[in-house]
Structures are given as C-alpha cells and as structure tokens.
Amino acid sequence: MKPQLLNRSNEQRQAFSIKRNRYPNFLKIRHYHPELELVYITEGTGTRFVGDNIEKFEPGEIVLLGENLPHMWLNDKDYFQSDSDLMADALCIHFKEDFIGKQFFELAGAESLTELFKNARRGIRFIDLDFSAAKMMEEIANEKDEFQRLIILLTLLNKLAKQSQIKLLSSEGYLERKPEEYSDKTHEFIFKNFTKQILLSDVAAIASMNPTAFSRYFKRIHRKTFSRYIIEIRIGYACKLLIDNKINVSSACYESGFNNISNFNKQFRFIMDMSPSQYIKKHRSIKGKI
C-alpha cells in the first residue's frame, strides 16, 4: 500500500500554514508531502503510522514529521460507527525546511533547529512536554498578525529543539537517503551495502581505525553495537518492502540482507514487537476502514 502524495503547499505566500482538523475521524489515507508537519492532537485516540513505526496515540501528543515521511493517524473503530458522536481534533502546522530562508539556518545559534529538522526525517514524538508547547500551538492558531505568528513558531521550534526526552519513530533503514545526506564515508558504505554481508573490519578500514577501536567508537556514538545497528537498518528496510511493495515475508527477509527466515522473524519481533505477518496485517487492515 504505497503512500499518496498530498498537496500541502502554501498558496498565500506565507512562511507556514496552520489548520485545525476537527472531524468525526482523521484522514484515512497514508500520505506524505515535501513540507514538515507539526501535529498537536487535542482530541481523539487510535493508531499512529509513521514510516515503519506503529503506535497508539492519545490526546496531548505533539509530533514533528520530516519532509516526505509517510504517515497517518487512524482513529479507533468506534469513530467509524454510524451512531458515533466522537470527534477527532488536531492542530497541524506545515512548513518547508528553509521556510524563513536558507541563510537563517547558517547563522550561529541555529544549529539546534538544523538538528531538529534532521531528526524529524524519522519522525519525533516529544515526551513529557510542559503545557507551554501546546499553548503556543493554540496561540499560533488564534494570532492574526503574521509576523507575531512567525515569532511564536520560531520560539516553539527552539523549545522543541532543546527537548531532551524524545522518541525517534521510524527506523534508519526505512528512510530513502540521497548521496549528499550521508554523514561520512562509513555511513555511506553501510547504507549502500547493508543488504549484503558487512564485516566490521571492512567498515573500520574505511574509517582508518582498527576493528576494536572502531567498535568502541561506534557504540559510544550510536549507543548500540555495530551489529545491532545493521540489524535495525535491515528490519526497517524490510518493513518498507512489506508495506510499500506488498512482497511476502520470505522475499523481504532475503532482500533486506538476512540469510534465514528464523533469524529474520526473531529480529523482527524483537525490534517491532510483533511478527512480520502481524505487521502486514496491521497495515493492510487500514484498507478495510477506508
């Protein structure tokens, strides 16, 4: 089930747009767009799909999505009953990465926003935010002065950039990366070859380090072992194959770099907290509600 491209462009020459979506249920289409999206759920429950991530959502959550990241908030089945009086409500802000000019993000002090937007490419759920963030979203929606709205948004983004308790939603392996987005030669090698056998010694050689030193360095930077990192990338890629290309579990296993189904199923369940078949069923059940 490939995501659909939706037009979220701003036709009024504003730096960004904000819209309150209040309906019996949210849009039942897995979609993407080139704009970033900041979402504040004020009412409604259900399941959130971001890239290859599947989680329940509740009122009060704030999520930032990067450009072209497939997503959907699917309400619980009670919202689709003919006699339901439930409502789904959210504030959504859409803006481009360079919405106030590329030069602004080259200034000293803007590094945190650049890092925020980089992390948003996987989707960010902000944990234990104080009420002021939600209050600023409401202020932006109610403010009539365009310049003041921009000031509030920048203040909010700066606050979110400094938030230490976050969860990155989609996996590394789900993302489609452009050559210029690789952080260094080792990551370029990993993302070009993760479907094949990758030896620690080969990557260490690219980094001009001995395997033991590189292993310690990698774990310190990524907070996980090199082998675990590779496995997570492969599982993320397998998820993309399963939900976008509708291939079977066996094909996803081998195309993502695993050598046997048993290990693939084990690693998939460990990372996604469900089996590959359950993951497919969860995504394809969406069709029955559209």
Protein backbone atom coordinates (compact mmCIF):
# COMPACT_ATOMS: atom_id res chain seq x y z
CA MET A 1 0.00 0.00 0.00
CA LYS A 2 2.03 2.90 -1.28
CA PRO A 3 1.50 6.28 0.40
CA GLN A 4 -0.14 9.08 -1.58
CA LEU A 5 1.40 12.47 -2.25
CA LEU A 6 -0.84 15.21 -0.87
CA ASN A 7 -0.63 18.88 -1.73
CA ARG A 8 0.14 20.86 1.43
CA SER A 9 1.66 23.82 -0.40
CA ASN A 10 1.00 27.31 0.89
CA GLU A 11 -0.63 29.36 -1.86
CA GLN A 12 -0.85 32.58 0.17
CA ARG A 13 2.91 33.27 0.24
CA GLN A 14 3.02 32.76 4.00
CA ALA A 15 6.06 31.32 5.74
CA PHE A 16 3.92 28.47 7.04
CA SER A 17 0.30 27.38 7.35
CA ILE A 18 -1.71 26.19 10.33
CA LYS A 19 -5.03 24.37 10.22
CA ARG A 20 -7.32 22.85 12.81
CA ASN A 21 -8.63 19.49 11.62
CA ARG A 22 -11.82 18.68 13.51
CA TYR A 23 -13.85 15.82 12.05
CA PRO A 24 -15.60 12.62 13.16
CA ASN A 25 -12.28 10.95 12.26
CA PHE A 26 -8.89 11.88 10.81
CA LEU A 27 -7.92 11.45 7.15
CA LYS A 28 -7.83 7.71 6.43
CA ILE A 29 -5.06 7.87 3.83
CA ARG A 30 -1.39 7.05 4.37
CA HIS A 31 0.26 10.04 2.74
CA TYR A 32 3.35 12.25 2.52
CA HIS A 33 4.32 15.74 1.37
CA PRO A 34 7.52 17.83 0.99
CA GLU A 35 6.57 20.08 3.91
CA LEU A 36 7.42 19.31 7.53
CA GLU A 37 4.36 18.80 9.72
CA LEU A 38 3.99 19.67 13.39
CA VAL A 39 0.94 17.95 14.88
CA TYR A 40 -0.78 18.55 18.21
CA ILE A 41 -3.56 16.05 18.96
CA THR A 42 -6.18 17.73 21.11
CA GLU A 43 -8.90 15.09 20.85
CA GLY A 44 -9.10 11.51 19.59
CA THR A 45 -7.47 8.11 20.03
CA GLY A 46 -6.23 5.46 17.64
CA THR A 47 -3.10 4.19 15.91
CA ARG A 48 -0.34 6.37 14.51
CA PHE A 49 1.59 5.16 11.44
CA VAL A 50 4.88 6.98 10.75
CA GLY A 51 7.23 5.32 8.25
CA ASP A 52 7.55 1.78 9.60
CA ASN A 53 6.52 2.76 13.14
CA ILE A 54 3.13 1.76 14.57
CA GLU A 55 1.99 3.17 17.94
CA LYS A 56 -1.19 4.14 19.73
CA PHE A 57 -1.92 7.87 20.03
CA GLU A 58 -3.86 9.85 22.60
CA PRO A 59 -4.81 13.50 23.17
CA GLY A 60 -1.95 15.76 24.17
CA GLU A 61 0.78 14.31 21.96
CA ILE A 62 2.98 16.54 19.81
CA VAL A 63 4.81 15.02 16.84
CA LEU A 64 7.11 16.55 14.24
CA LEU A 65 7.34 14.85 10.84
CA GLY A 66 10.05 15.49 8.26
CA GLU A 67 9.63 16.00 4.55
CA ASN A 68 8.19 13.11 2.50
CA LEU A 69 7.78 10.84 5.54
CA PRO A 70 4.64 8.67 5.06
CA HIS A 71 2.19 8.99 7.94
CA MET A 72 -1.39 8.59 9.07
CA TRP A 73 -3.37 8.92 12.30
CA LEU A 74 -6.04 6.19 12.14
CA ASN A 75 -8.80 6.52 14.71
CA ASP A 76 -10.15 3.57 16.68
CA LYS A 77 -13.05 1.62 15.14
CA ASP A 78 -15.59 3.35 17.42
CA TYR A 79 -15.03 6.56 15.44
CA PHE A 80 -16.36 4.92 12.28
CA GLN A 81 -19.69 3.76 13.72
CA SER A 82 -22.71 5.44 12.15
CA ASP A 83 -24.11 6.42 15.56
CA SER A 84 -20.81 7.71 16.96
CA ASP A 85 -20.66 11.19 18.46
CA LEU A 86 -16.87 11.05 18.89
CA MET A 87 -14.66 13.72 17.35
CA ALA A 88 -11.02 13.84 16.28
CA ASP A 89 -9.26 17.18 16.60
CA ALA A 90 -5.71 18.28 15.82
CA LEU A 91 -3.72 21.41 15.07
CA CYS A 92 -1.33 20.95 12.13
CA ILE A 93 1.43 23.31 11.03
CA HIS A 94 3.09 22.81 7.63
CA PHE A 95 6.33 24.48 6.58
CA LYS A 96 9.41 23.87 4.43
CA GLU A 97 12.85 23.28 5.97
CA ASP A 98 14.00 26.67 4.65
CA PHE A 99 10.71 28.43 5.42
CA ILE A 100 12.45 31.64 6.53
CA GLY A 101 15.40 31.40 4.16
CA LYS A 102 18.43 29.14 3.97
CA GLN A 103 20.77 31.84 5.29
CA PHE A 104 18.92 31.95 8.61
CA PHE A 105 19.87 28.35 9.36
CA GLU A 106 23.51 29.10 8.64
CA LEU A 107 23.65 31.64 11.47
CA ALA A 108 25.27 30.87 14.81
CA GLY A 109 22.69 29.55 17.22
CA ALA A 110 20.52 27.90 14.57
CA GLU A 111 22.35 24.56 14.77
CA SER A 112 19.77 23.11 17.13
CA LEU A 113 16.98 23.74 14.62
CA THR A 114 19.00 22.10 11.87
CA GLU A 115 19.45 19.04 14.08
CA LEU A 116 15.73 19.08 14.91
CA PHE A 117 14.77 19.01 11.23
CA LYS A 118 17.30 16.26 10.57
CA ASN A 119 15.79 14.06 13.30
CA ALA A 120 12.30 14.89 12.04
CA ARG A 121 13.03 12.89 8.90
CA ARG A 122 12.38 9.85 11.07
CA GLY A 123 9.50 11.49 12.95
CA ILE A 124 9.82 12.79 16.51
CA ARG A 125 7.41 12.26 19.38
CA PHE A 126 8.12 14.68 22.21
CA ILE A 127 7.83 13.12 25.66
CA ASP A 128 6.74 14.90 28.85
CA LEU A 129 6.48 18.33 27.26
CA ASP A 130 5.15 21.01 29.56
CA PHE A 131 1.86 22.68 28.71
CA SER A 132 3.53 25.76 27.19
CA ALA A 133 4.23 23.95 23.91
CA ALA A 134 0.56 23.10 23.40
CA LYS A 135 -0.36 26.64 24.46
CA MET A 136 1.94 28.09 21.78
CA MET A 137 0.27 25.92 19.13
CA GLU A 138 -3.10 27.40 20.17
CA GLU A 139 -1.63 30.93 20.17
CA ILE A 140 -0.36 30.49 16.61
CA ALA A 141 -3.81 29.32 15.51
CA ASN A 142 -5.53 32.31 17.12
CA GLU A 143 -2.97 35.04 16.30
CA LYS A 144 -3.95 37.32 13.40
CA ASP A 145 -0.63 39.14 12.94
CA GLU A 146 1.57 37.16 10.54
CA PHE A 147 4.87 38.37 11.98
CA GLN A 148 3.82 37.58 15.55
CA ARG A 149 2.73 34.10 14.43
CA LEU A 150 6.18 33.56 12.96
CA ILE A 151 7.87 34.67 16.19
CA ILE A 152 5.76 32.24 18.22
CA LEU A 153 6.52 29.37 15.83
CA LEU A 154 10.28 30.01 16.00
CA THR A 155 10.06 30.13 19.79
CA LEU A 156 8.17 26.85 19.79
CA LEU A 157 10.63 25.15 17.44
CA ASN A 158 13.52 26.36 19.59
CA LYS A 159 11.79 24.86 22.63
CA LEU A 160 11.27 21.54 20.85
CA ALA A 161 14.89 21.52 19.65
CA LYS A 162 16.05 21.73 23.27
CA GLN A 163 13.74 18.96 24.46
CA SER A 164 15.91 16.06 25.65
CA GLN A 165 13.14 13.49 26.04
CA ILE A 166 12.16 12.47 22.53
CA LYS A 167 11.46 9.30 20.63
CA LEU A 168 12.52 8.90 17.00
CA LEU A 169 9.70 6.96 15.38
CA SER A 170 10.69 5.48 12.02
CA SER A 171 13.83 3.37 11.73
CA GLU A 172 17.04 4.32 9.94
CA GLY A 173 16.51 1.59 7.37
CA TYR A 174 13.09 2.86 6.30
CA LEU A 175 14.44 6.16 5.01
CA GLU A 176 15.43 6.72 1.42
CA ARG A 177 18.67 8.66 1.60
CA LYS A 178 20.25 10.85 -1.02
CA PRO A 179 24.04 10.60 -1.50
CA GLU A 180 24.61 14.07 -0.04
CA GLU A 181 22.81 13.11 3.18
CA TYR A 182 25.40 10.56 4.32
CA SER A 183 27.29 11.88 7.33
CA ASP A 184 30.60 10.23 6.41
CA LYS A 185 32.16 7.50 4.26
CA THR A 186 31.43 4.74 6.78
CA HIS A 187 27.69 5.50 6.78
CA GLU A 188 27.71 5.81 3.00
CA PHE A 189 29.25 2.33 2.80
CA ILE A 190 26.75 0.88 5.31
CA PHE A 191 23.66 2.26 3.58
CA LYS A 192 24.87 1.17 0.16
CA ASN A 193 25.75 -2.36 1.27
CA PHE A 194 23.52 -3.33 4.22
CA THR A 195 21.64 -5.90 2.12
CA LYS A 196 24.93 -7.77 1.72
CA GLN A 197 27.34 -9.18 4.28
CA ILE A 198 29.15 -6.31 6.00
CA LEU A 199 32.20 -7.06 8.12
CA LEU A 200 33.18 -4.79 10.98
CA SER A 201 36.76 -4.94 9.75
CA ASP A 202 35.75 -3.57 6.33
CA VAL A 203 33.96 -0.57 7.81
CA ALA A 204 36.76 0.01 10.32
CA ALA A 205 39.24 0.11 7.45
CA ILE A 206 37.20 2.82 5.73
CA ALA A 207 37.34 4.82 8.97
CA SER A 208 41.12 4.21 9.18
CA MET A 209 40.72 2.53 12.58
CA ASN A 210 41.42 -0.95 13.89
CA PRO A 211 38.25 -3.06 14.46
CA THR A 212 38.39 -2.94 18.26
CA ALA A 213 38.78 0.84 18.42
CA PHE A 214 36.10 1.36 15.76
CA SER A 215 33.68 -0.92 17.65
CA ARG A 216 34.10 1.12 20.85
CA TYR A 217 33.78 4.39 18.92
CA PHE A 218 30.65 3.22 17.08
CA LYS A 219 28.92 2.10 20.28
CA ARG A 220 29.74 5.38 22.01
CA ILE A 221 28.30 7.44 19.13
CA HIS A 222 25.22 5.33 18.35
CA ARG A 223 24.62 3.82 21.80
CA LYS A 224 24.33 0.38 20.26
CA THR A 225 26.70 -2.17 18.79
CA PHE A 226 27.64 -2.18 15.13
CA SER A 227 25.85 -5.49 14.55
CA ARG A 228 22.64 -4.24 16.23
CA TYR A 229 22.74 -1.10 14.08
CA ILE A 230 22.96 -3.17 10.89
CA ILE A 231 20.09 -5.40 12.01
CA GLU A 232 17.86 -2.39 12.74
CA ILE A 233 18.57 -0.92 9.31
CA ARG A 234 17.71 -4.24 7.65
CA ILE A 235 14.45 -4.58 9.60
CA GLY A 236 13.47 -1.01 8.72
CA TYR A 237 14.10 -1.71 5.06
CA ALA A 238 12.12 -4.96 5.31
CA CYS A 239 9.19 -3.01 6.75
CA LYS A 240 9.30 -0.65 3.79
CA LEU A 241 9.28 -3.60 1.38
CA LEU A 242 6.37 -5.26 3.18
CA ILE A 243 4.06 -2.24 3.33
CA ASP A 244 5.01 -0.37 0.15
CA ASN A 245 5.76 -3.18 -2.28
CA LYS A 246 3.47 -5.88 -0.86
CA ILE A 247 6.07 -8.62 -1.15
CA ASN A 248 5.88 -11.73 1.03
CA VAL A 249 7.81 -12.28 4.25
CA SER A 250 10.32 -14.65 2.66
CA SER A 251 11.24 -12.16 -0.08
CA ALA A 252 11.53 -9.30 2.44
CA CYS A 253 13.83 -11.45 4.55
CA TYR A 254 16.38 -12.12 1.83
CA GLU A 255 16.08 -8.77 0.03
CA SER A 256 16.85 -6.92 3.27
CA GLY A 257 20.04 -8.88 3.90
CA PHE A 258 19.08 -11.77 6.20
CA ASN A 259 20.24 -15.30 5.44
CA ASN A 260 17.39 -17.28 7.00
CA ILE A 261 13.74 -16.83 7.90
CA SER A 262 14.12 -17.96 11.50
CA ASN A 263 16.62 -15.22 12.39
CA PHE A 264 14.64 -12.65 10.41
CA ASN A 265 11.45 -13.44 12.34
CA LYS A 266 13.32 -13.35 15.65
CA GLN A 267 14.95 -9.98 14.97
CA PHE A 268 11.76 -8.52 13.51
CA ARG A 269 9.75 -9.43 16.62
CA PHE A 270 12.47 -8.08 18.91
CA ILE A 271 12.58 -4.68 17.17
CA MET A 272 8.95 -4.21 16.07
CA ASP A 273 7.31 -6.07 18.97
CA MET A 274 5.26 -8.14 16.52
CA SER A 275 5.85 -10.76 13.85
CA PRO A 276 6.22 -9.83 10.15
CA SER A 277 2.80 -11.32 9.40
CA GLN A 278 1.21 -9.32 12.23
CA TYR A 279 2.91 -6.19 10.91
CA ILE A 280 1.49 -6.79 7.42
CA LYS A 281 -1.97 -7.46 8.84
CA LYS A 282 -1.87 -4.27 10.91
CA HIS A 283 -1.06 -2.15 7.87
CA ARG A 284 -3.38 -3.87 5.44
CA SER A 285 -6.29 -3.64 7.89
CA ILE A 286 -6.28 0.07 7.04
CA LYS A 287 -7.84 -0.70 3.69
CA GLY A 288 -10.94 -2.11 5.32
CA LYS A 289 -11.54 1.24 7.06
CA ILE A 290 -11.16 3.48 4.04
